[in-house]
Amino acid sequence: MSRKNGNREEPGAAEVPGIRAIEEHAKAAGVSAPVFAAVKRARGRAAGKKVEKGEFEKAVNGFLSAPIGGV
């Protein structure tokens, strides 16, 4: 999402390829709503947080492979 200042774009405002909102990654990966909510809470992520696909997958896989009851 690039913002424009007059007729020119602001530096650093352009979207970076591969970085998407966590909701978009969850939908594309078929992550269920309860798992997504738990991963979001465990990682302290707010809705709309943008991350790379690999970072999102690492968070989901880490949550799914964690022992029940935490550490």
PDB file of N, CA and C in Angstrom:
ATOM      1  N   MET A   1       0.846  -1.151   0.000  1.00  0.00           N
ATOM      2  CA  MET A   1       0.000   0.000   0.000  1.00  0.00           C
ATOM      3  C   MET A   1       0.900   1.224   0.000  1.00  0.00           C
ATOM      4  N   SER A   2       0.962   1.879  -1.095  1.00  0.00           N
ATOM      5  CA  SER A   2       1.805   3.059  -1.155  1.00  0.00           C
ATOM      6  C   SER A   2       0.961   4.305  -0.971  1.00  0.00           C
ATOM      7  N   ARG A   3       1.500   5.224  -0.233  1.00  0.00           N
ATOM      8  CA  ARG A   3       0.815   6.497  -0.021  1.00  0.00           C
ATOM      9  C   ARG A   3       1.438   7.521  -0.948  1.00  0.00           C
ATOM     10  N   LYS A   4       0.613   8.398  -1.467  1.00  0.00           N
ATOM     11  CA  LYS A   4       1.120   9.421  -2.370  1.00  0.00           C
ATOM     12  C   LYS A   4       1.106  10.770  -1.691  1.00  0.00           C
ATOM     13  N   ASN A   5       2.135  11.526  -1.941  1.00  0.00           N
ATOM     14  CA  ASN A   5       2.262  12.886  -1.445  1.00  0.00           C
ATOM     15  C   ASN A   5       2.262  13.767  -2.686  1.00  0.00           C
ATOM     16  N   GLY A   6       1.094  14.305  -3.022  1.00  0.00           N
ATOM     17  CA  GLY A   6       0.993  15.055  -4.270  1.00  0.00           C
ATOM     18  C   GLY A   6       1.034  14.080  -5.429  1.00  0.00           C
ATOM     19  N   ASN A   7       2.013  14.202  -6.307  1.00  0.00           N
ATOM     20  CA  ASN A   7       2.148  13.317  -7.460  1.00  0.00           C
ATOM     21  C   ASN A   7       3.263  12.295  -7.294  1.00  0.00           C
ATOM     22  N   ARG A   8       3.929  12.281  -6.172  1.00  0.00           N
ATOM     23  CA  ARG A   8       5.010  11.310  -5.985  1.00  0.00           C
ATOM     24  C   ARG A   8       4.733  10.440  -4.771  1.00  0.00           C
ATOM     25  N   GLU A   9       5.259   9.226  -4.805  1.00  0.00           N
ATOM     26  CA  GLU A   9       5.067   8.307  -3.692  1.00  0.00           C
ATOM     27  C   GLU A   9       6.101   8.580  -2.617  1.00  0.00           C
ATOM     28  N   GLU A  10       5.684   8.397  -1.361  1.00  0.00           N
ATOM     29  CA  GLU A  10       6.608   8.585  -0.255  1.00  0.00           C
ATOM     30  C   GLU A  10       7.597   7.434  -0.220  1.00  0.00           C
ATOM     31  N   PRO A  11       8.866   7.708   0.081  1.00  0.00           N
ATOM     32  CA  PRO A  11       9.848   6.630   0.161  1.00  0.00           C
ATOM     33  C   PRO A  11       9.485   5.648   1.256  1.00  0.00           C
ATOM     34  N   GLY A  12       9.645   4.349   0.973  1.00  0.00           N
ATOM     35  CA  GLY A  12       9.375   3.315   1.951  1.00  0.00           C
ATOM     36  C   GLY A  12       7.908   2.989   2.121  1.00  0.00           C
ATOM     37  N   ALA A  13       7.056   3.613   1.365  1.00  0.00           N
ATOM     38  CA  ALA A  13       5.630   3.382   1.517  1.00  0.00           C
ATOM     39  C   ALA A  13       5.123   2.250   0.627  1.00  0.00           C
ATOM     40  N   ALA A  14       5.928   1.798  -0.337  1.00  0.00           N
ATOM     41  CA  ALA A  14       5.519   0.744  -1.250  1.00  0.00           C
ATOM     42  C   ALA A  14       5.506  -0.611  -0.533  1.00  0.00           C
ATOM     43  N   GLU A  15       4.629  -1.497  -0.986  1.00  0.00           N
ATOM     44  CA  GLU A  15       4.557  -2.829  -0.393  1.00  0.00           C
ATOM     45  C   GLU A  15       5.761  -3.653  -0.797  1.00  0.00           C
ATOM     46  N   VAL A  16       6.220  -4.463   0.115  1.00  0.00           N
ATOM     47  CA  VAL A  16       7.352  -5.341  -0.138  1.00  0.00           C
ATOM     48  C   VAL A  16       6.806  -6.688  -0.590  1.00  0.00           C
ATOM     49  N   PRO A  17       7.294  -7.227  -1.718  1.00  0.00           N
ATOM     50  CA  PRO A  17       6.794  -8.523  -2.184  1.00  0.00           C
ATOM     51  C   PRO A  17       7.055  -9.614  -1.145  1.00  0.00           C
ATOM     52  N   GLY A  18       6.073 -10.504  -0.957  1.00  0.00           N
ATOM     53  CA  GLY A  18       6.230 -11.620  -0.028  1.00  0.00           C
ATOM     54  C   GLY A  18       5.801 -11.300   1.390  1.00  0.00           C
ATOM     55  N   ILE A  19       5.592 -10.042   1.687  1.00  0.00           N
ATOM     56  CA  ILE A  19       5.138  -9.665   3.026  1.00  0.00           C
ATOM     57  C   ILE A  19       3.657  -9.333   2.931  1.00  0.00           C
ATOM     58  N   ARG A  20       2.867 -10.099   3.704  1.00  0.00           N
ATOM     59  CA  ARG A  20       1.415  -9.927   3.679  1.00  0.00           C
ATOM     60  C   ARG A  20       0.880  -9.939   5.097  1.00  0.00           C
ATOM     61  N   ALA A  21      -0.353  -9.518   5.245  1.00  0.00           N
ATOM     62  CA  ALA A  21      -1.007  -9.540   6.555  1.00  0.00           C
ATOM     63  C   ALA A  21      -1.156 -10.986   7.013  1.00  0.00           C
ATOM     64  N   ILE A  22      -1.071 -11.201   8.330  1.00  0.00           N
ATOM     65  CA  ILE A  22      -1.139 -12.558   8.852  1.00  0.00           C
ATOM     66  C   ILE A  22      -2.460 -13.235   8.496  1.00  0.00           C
ATOM     67  N   GLU A  23      -3.540 -12.470   8.367  1.00  0.00           N
ATOM     68  CA  GLU A  23      -4.822 -13.039   7.970  1.00  0.00           C
ATOM     69  C   GLU A  23      -4.757 -13.618   6.561  1.00  0.00           C
ATOM     70  N   GLU A  24      -4.034 -12.949   5.670  1.00  0.00           N
ATOM     71  CA  GLU A  24      -3.884 -13.435   4.302  1.00  0.00           C
ATOM     72  C   GLU A  24      -3.072 -14.727   4.273  1.00  0.00           C
ATOM     73  N   HIS A  25      -2.001 -14.786   5.061  1.00  0.00           N
ATOM     74  CA  HIS A  25      -1.196 -16.012   5.141  1.00  0.00           C
ATOM     75  C   HIS A  25      -2.036 -17.163   5.689  1.00  0.00           C
ATOM     76  N   ALA A  26      -2.828 -16.896   6.726  1.00  0.00           N
ATOM     77  CA  ALA A  26      -3.655 -17.939   7.340  1.00  0.00           C
ATOM     78  C   ALA A  26      -4.657 -18.494   6.338  1.00  0.00           C
ATOM     79  N   LYS A  27      -5.291 -17.620   5.590  1.00  0.00           N
ATOM     80  CA  LYS A  27      -6.274 -18.052   4.602  1.00  0.00           C
ATOM     81  C   LYS A  27      -5.604 -18.872   3.510  1.00  0.00           C
ATOM     82  N   ALA A  28      -4.467 -18.412   3.006  1.00  0.00           N
ATOM     83  CA  ALA A  28      -3.759 -19.116   1.941  1.00  0.00           C
ATOM     84  C   ALA A  28      -3.255 -20.482   2.401  1.00  0.00           C
ATOM     85  N   ALA A  29      -2.885 -20.601   3.673  1.00  0.00           N
ATOM     86  CA  ALA A  29      -2.343 -21.850   4.199  1.00  0.00           C
ATOM     87  C   ALA A  29      -3.436 -22.769   4.741  1.00  0.00           C
ATOM     88  N   GLY A  30      -4.670 -22.296   4.811  1.00  0.00           N
ATOM     89  CA  GLY A  30      -5.759 -23.114   5.319  1.00  0.00           C
ATOM     90  C   GLY A  30      -5.694 -23.340   6.821  1.00  0.00           C
ATOM     91  N   VAL A  31      -5.167 -22.362   7.552  1.00  0.00           N
ATOM     92  CA  VAL A  31      -5.071 -22.453   9.011  1.00  0.00           C
ATOM     93  C   VAL A  31      -6.456 -22.196   9.605  1.00  0.00           C
ATOM     94  N   SER A  32      -6.895 -23.093  10.496  1.00  0.00           N
ATOM     95  CA  SER A  32      -8.228 -22.942  11.097  1.00  0.00           C
ATOM     96  C   SER A  32      -8.273 -21.702  11.986  1.00  0.00           C
ATOM     97  N   ALA A  33      -9.475 -21.197  12.196  1.00  0.00           N
ATOM     98  CA  ALA A  33      -9.650 -19.990  13.007  1.00  0.00           C
ATOM     99  C   ALA A  33      -9.137 -20.158  14.437  1.00  0.00           C
ATOM    100  N   PRO A  34      -9.403 -21.297  15.107  1.00  0.00           N
ATOM    101  CA  PRO A  34      -8.894 -21.444  16.476  1.00  0.00           C
ATOM    102  C   PRO A  34      -7.362 -21.477  16.538  1.00  0.00           C
ATOM    103  N   VAL A  35      -6.740 -22.155  15.596  1.00  0.00           N
ATOM    104  CA  VAL A  35      -5.272 -22.209  15.577  1.00  0.00           C
ATOM    105  C   VAL A  35      -4.711 -20.831  15.273  1.00  0.00           C
ATOM    106  N   PHE A  36      -5.318 -20.128  14.326  1.00  0.00           N
ATOM    107  CA  PHE A  36      -4.854 -18.790  13.986  1.00  0.00           C
ATOM    108  C   PHE A  36      -4.942 -17.856  15.193  1.00  0.00           C
ATOM    109  N   ALA A  37      -6.069 -17.919  15.906  1.00  0.00           N
ATOM    110  CA  ALA A  37      -6.244 -17.070  17.086  1.00  0.00           C
ATOM    111  C   ALA A  37      -5.213 -17.398  18.156  1.00  0.00           C
ATOM    112  N   ALA A  38      -4.934 -18.681  18.349  1.00  0.00           N
ATOM    113  CA  ALA A  38      -3.957 -19.092  19.359  1.00  0.00           C
ATOM    114  C   ALA A  38      -2.542 -18.665  18.986  1.00  0.00           C
ATOM    115  N   VAL A  39      -2.191 -18.805  17.721  1.00  0.00           N
ATOM    116  CA  VAL A  39      -0.861 -18.389  17.259  1.00  0.00           C
ATOM    117  C   VAL A  39      -0.719 -16.877  17.419  1.00  0.00           C
ATOM    118  N   LYS A  40      -1.758 -16.147  17.046  1.00  0.00           N
ATOM    119  CA  LYS A  40      -1.741 -14.686  17.161  1.00  0.00           C
ATOM    120  C   LYS A  40      -1.522 -14.270  18.617  1.00  0.00           C
ATOM    121  N   ARG A  41      -2.230 -14.921  19.525  1.00  0.00           N
ATOM    122  CA  ARG A  41      -2.101 -14.587  20.950  1.00  0.00           C
ATOM    123  C   ARG A  41      -0.729 -14.986  21.489  1.00  0.00           C
ATOM    124  N   ALA A  42      -0.278 -16.169  21.122  1.00  0.00           N
ATOM    125  CA  ALA A  42       1.010 -16.657  21.615  1.00  0.00           C
ATOM    126  C   ALA A  42       2.173 -15.787  21.143  1.00  0.00           C
ATOM    127  N   ARG A  43       2.052 -15.248  19.936  1.00  0.00           N
ATOM    128  CA  ARG A  43       3.123 -14.425  19.369  1.00  0.00           C
ATOM    129  C   ARG A  43       2.924 -12.936  19.631  1.00  0.00           C
ATOM    130  N   GLY A  44       1.808 -12.570  20.251  1.00  0.00           N
ATOM    131  CA  GLY A  44       1.546 -11.160  20.539  1.00  0.00           C
ATOM    132  C   GLY A  44       1.307 -10.341  19.285  1.00  0.00           C
ATOM    133  N   ARG A  45       0.673 -10.946  18.295  1.00  0.00           N
ATOM    134  CA  ARG A  45       0.412 -10.262  17.027  1.00  0.00           C
ATOM    135  C   ARG A  45      -0.952  -9.603  17.030  1.00  0.00           C
ATOM    136  N   ALA A  46      -1.023  -8.441  16.463  1.00  0.00           N
ATOM    137  CA  ALA A  46      -2.285  -7.736  16.294  1.00  0.00           C
ATOM    138  C   ALA A  46      -2.821  -8.021  14.895  1.00  0.00           C
ATOM    139  N   ALA A  47      -4.112  -7.879  14.718  1.00  0.00           N
ATOM    140  CA  ALA A  47      -4.720  -8.062  13.402  1.00  0.00           C
ATOM    141  C   ALA A  47      -4.072  -7.098  12.412  1.00  0.00           C
ATOM    142  N   GLY A  48      -3.806  -7.606  11.236  1.00  0.00           N
ATOM    143  CA  GLY A  48      -3.217  -6.781  10.189  1.00  0.00           C
ATOM    144  C   GLY A  48      -1.702  -6.737  10.192  1.00  0.00           C
ATOM    145  N   LYS A  49      -1.061  -7.371  11.161  1.00  0.00           N
ATOM    146  CA  LYS A  49       0.407  -7.390  11.222  1.00  0.00           C
ATOM    147  C   LYS A  49       0.929  -8.028   9.942  1.00  0.00           C
ATOM    148  N   LYS A  50       1.917  -7.410   9.319  1.00  0.00           N
ATOM    149  CA  LYS A  50       2.474  -7.926   8.075  1.00  0.00           C
ATOM    150  C   LYS A  50       3.803  -8.628   8.349  1.00  0.00           C
ATOM    151  N   VAL A  51       3.909  -9.854   7.840  1.00  0.00           N
ATOM    152  CA  VAL A  51       5.122 -10.655   8.009  1.00  0.00           C
ATOM    153  C   VAL A  51       5.405 -11.425   6.726  1.00  0.00           C
ATOM    154  N   GLU A  52       6.600 -11.998   6.651  1.00  0.00           N
ATOM    155  CA  GLU A  52       6.948 -12.854   5.519  1.00  0.00           C
ATOM    156  C   GLU A  52       6.284 -14.211   5.696  1.00  0.00           C
ATOM    157  N   LYS A  53       6.084 -14.906   4.601  1.00  0.00           N
ATOM    158  CA  LYS A  53       5.433 -16.210   4.624  1.00  0.00           C
ATOM    159  C   LYS A  53       6.185 -17.183   5.534  1.00  0.00           C
ATOM    160  N   GLY A  54       7.502 -17.216   5.429  1.00  0.00           N
ATOM    161  CA  GLY A  54       8.308 -18.120   6.241  1.00  0.00           C
ATOM    162  C   GLY A  54       8.168 -17.864   7.731  1.00  0.00           C
ATOM    163  N   GLU A  55       8.093 -16.603   8.108  1.00  0.00           N
ATOM    164  CA  GLU A  55       7.928 -16.246   9.515  1.00  0.00           C
ATOM    165  C   GLU A  55       6.570 -16.720  10.032  1.00  0.00           C
ATOM    166  N   PHE A  56       5.531 -16.564   9.205  1.00  0.00           N
ATOM    167  CA  PHE A  56       4.204 -17.017   9.596  1.00  0.00           C
ATOM    168  C   PHE A  56       4.174 -18.529   9.733  1.00  0.00           C
ATOM    169  N   GLU A  57       4.719 -19.232   8.745  1.00  0.00           N
ATOM    170  CA  GLU A  57       4.733 -20.694   8.791  1.00  0.00           C
ATOM    171  C   GLU A  57       5.518 -21.204  10.000  1.00  0.00           C
ATOM    172  N   LYS A  58       6.617 -20.560  10.324  1.00  0.00           N
ATOM    173  CA  LYS A  58       7.418 -20.947  11.489  1.00  0.00           C
ATOM    174  C   LYS A  58       6.601 -20.789  12.774  1.00  0.00           C
ATOM    175  N   ALA A  59       5.838 -19.707  12.882  1.00  0.00           N
ATOM    176  CA  ALA A  59       5.020 -19.474  14.067  1.00  0.00           C
ATOM    177  C   ALA A  59       3.928 -20.530  14.199  1.00  0.00           C
ATOM    178  N   VAL A  60       3.264 -20.859  13.094  1.00  0.00           N
ATOM    179  CA  VAL A  60       2.193 -21.860  13.122  1.00  0.00           C
ATOM    180  C   VAL A  60       2.764 -23.236  13.448  1.00  0.00           C
ATOM    181  N   ASN A  61       3.837 -23.617  12.776  1.00  0.00           N
ATOM    182  CA  ASN A  61       4.441 -24.929  13.022  1.00  0.00           C
ATOM    183  C   ASN A  61       4.971 -25.040  14.448  1.00  0.00           C
ATOM    184  N   GLY A  62       5.540 -23.976  14.955  1.00  0.00           N
ATOM    185  CA  GLY A  62       6.025 -23.963  16.330  1.00  0.00           C
ATOM    186  C   GLY A  62       4.896 -24.155  17.331  1.00  0.00           C
ATOM    187  N   PHE A  63       3.768 -23.508  17.053  1.00  0.00           N
ATOM    188  CA  PHE A  63       2.613 -23.646  17.933  1.00  0.00           C
ATOM    189  C   PHE A  63       2.063 -25.071  17.878  1.00  0.00           C
ATOM    190  N   LEU A  64       1.919 -25.595  16.663  1.00  0.00           N
ATOM    191  CA  LEU A  64       1.337 -26.930  16.508  1.00  0.00           C
ATOM    192  C   LEU A  64       2.235 -28.044  17.076  1.00  0.00           C
ATOM    193  N   SER A  65       3.534 -27.830  17.108  1.00  0.00           N
ATOM    194  CA  SER A  65       4.433 -28.865  17.616  1.00  0.00           C
ATOM    195  C   SER A  65       4.814 -28.652  19.095  1.00  0.00           C
ATOM    196  N   ALA A  66       4.300 -27.603  19.702  1.00  0.00           N
ATOM    197  CA  ALA A  66       4.611 -27.326  21.119  1.00  0.00           C
ATOM    198  C   ALA A  66       3.868 -28.317  22.009  1.00  0.00           C
ATOM    199  N   PRO A  67       4.467 -28.655  23.137  1.00  0.00           N
ATOM    200  CA  PRO A  67       3.774 -29.563  24.064  1.00  0.00           C
ATOM    201  C   PRO A  67       2.541 -28.885  24.675  1.00  0.00           C
ATOM    202  N   ILE A  68       1.546 -29.660  24.983  1.00  0.00           N
ATOM    203  CA  ILE A  68       0.337 -29.139  25.618  1.00  0.00           C
ATOM    204  C   ILE A  68       0.711 -28.623  27.000  1.00  0.00           C
ATOM    205  N   GLY A  69       0.255 -27.457  27.337  1.00  0.00           N
ATOM    206  CA  GLY A  69       0.561 -26.876  28.637  1.00  0.00           C
ATOM    207  C   GLY A  69       1.786 -25.984  28.615  1.00  0.00           C
ATOM    208  N   GLY A  70       2.341 -25.726  27.427  1.00  0.00           N
ATOM    209  CA  GLY A  70       3.497 -24.812  27.319  1.00  0.00           C
ATOM    210  C   GLY A  70       4.813 -25.538  27.345  1.00  0.00           C
ATOM    211  N   VAL A  71       5.799 -24.918  27.955  1.00  0.00           N
ATOM    212  CA  VAL A  71       7.176 -25.390  27.949  1.00  0.00           C
ATOM    213  C   VAL A  71       7.307 -26.708  28.546  1.00  0.00           C
TER     214      VAL A  71
END
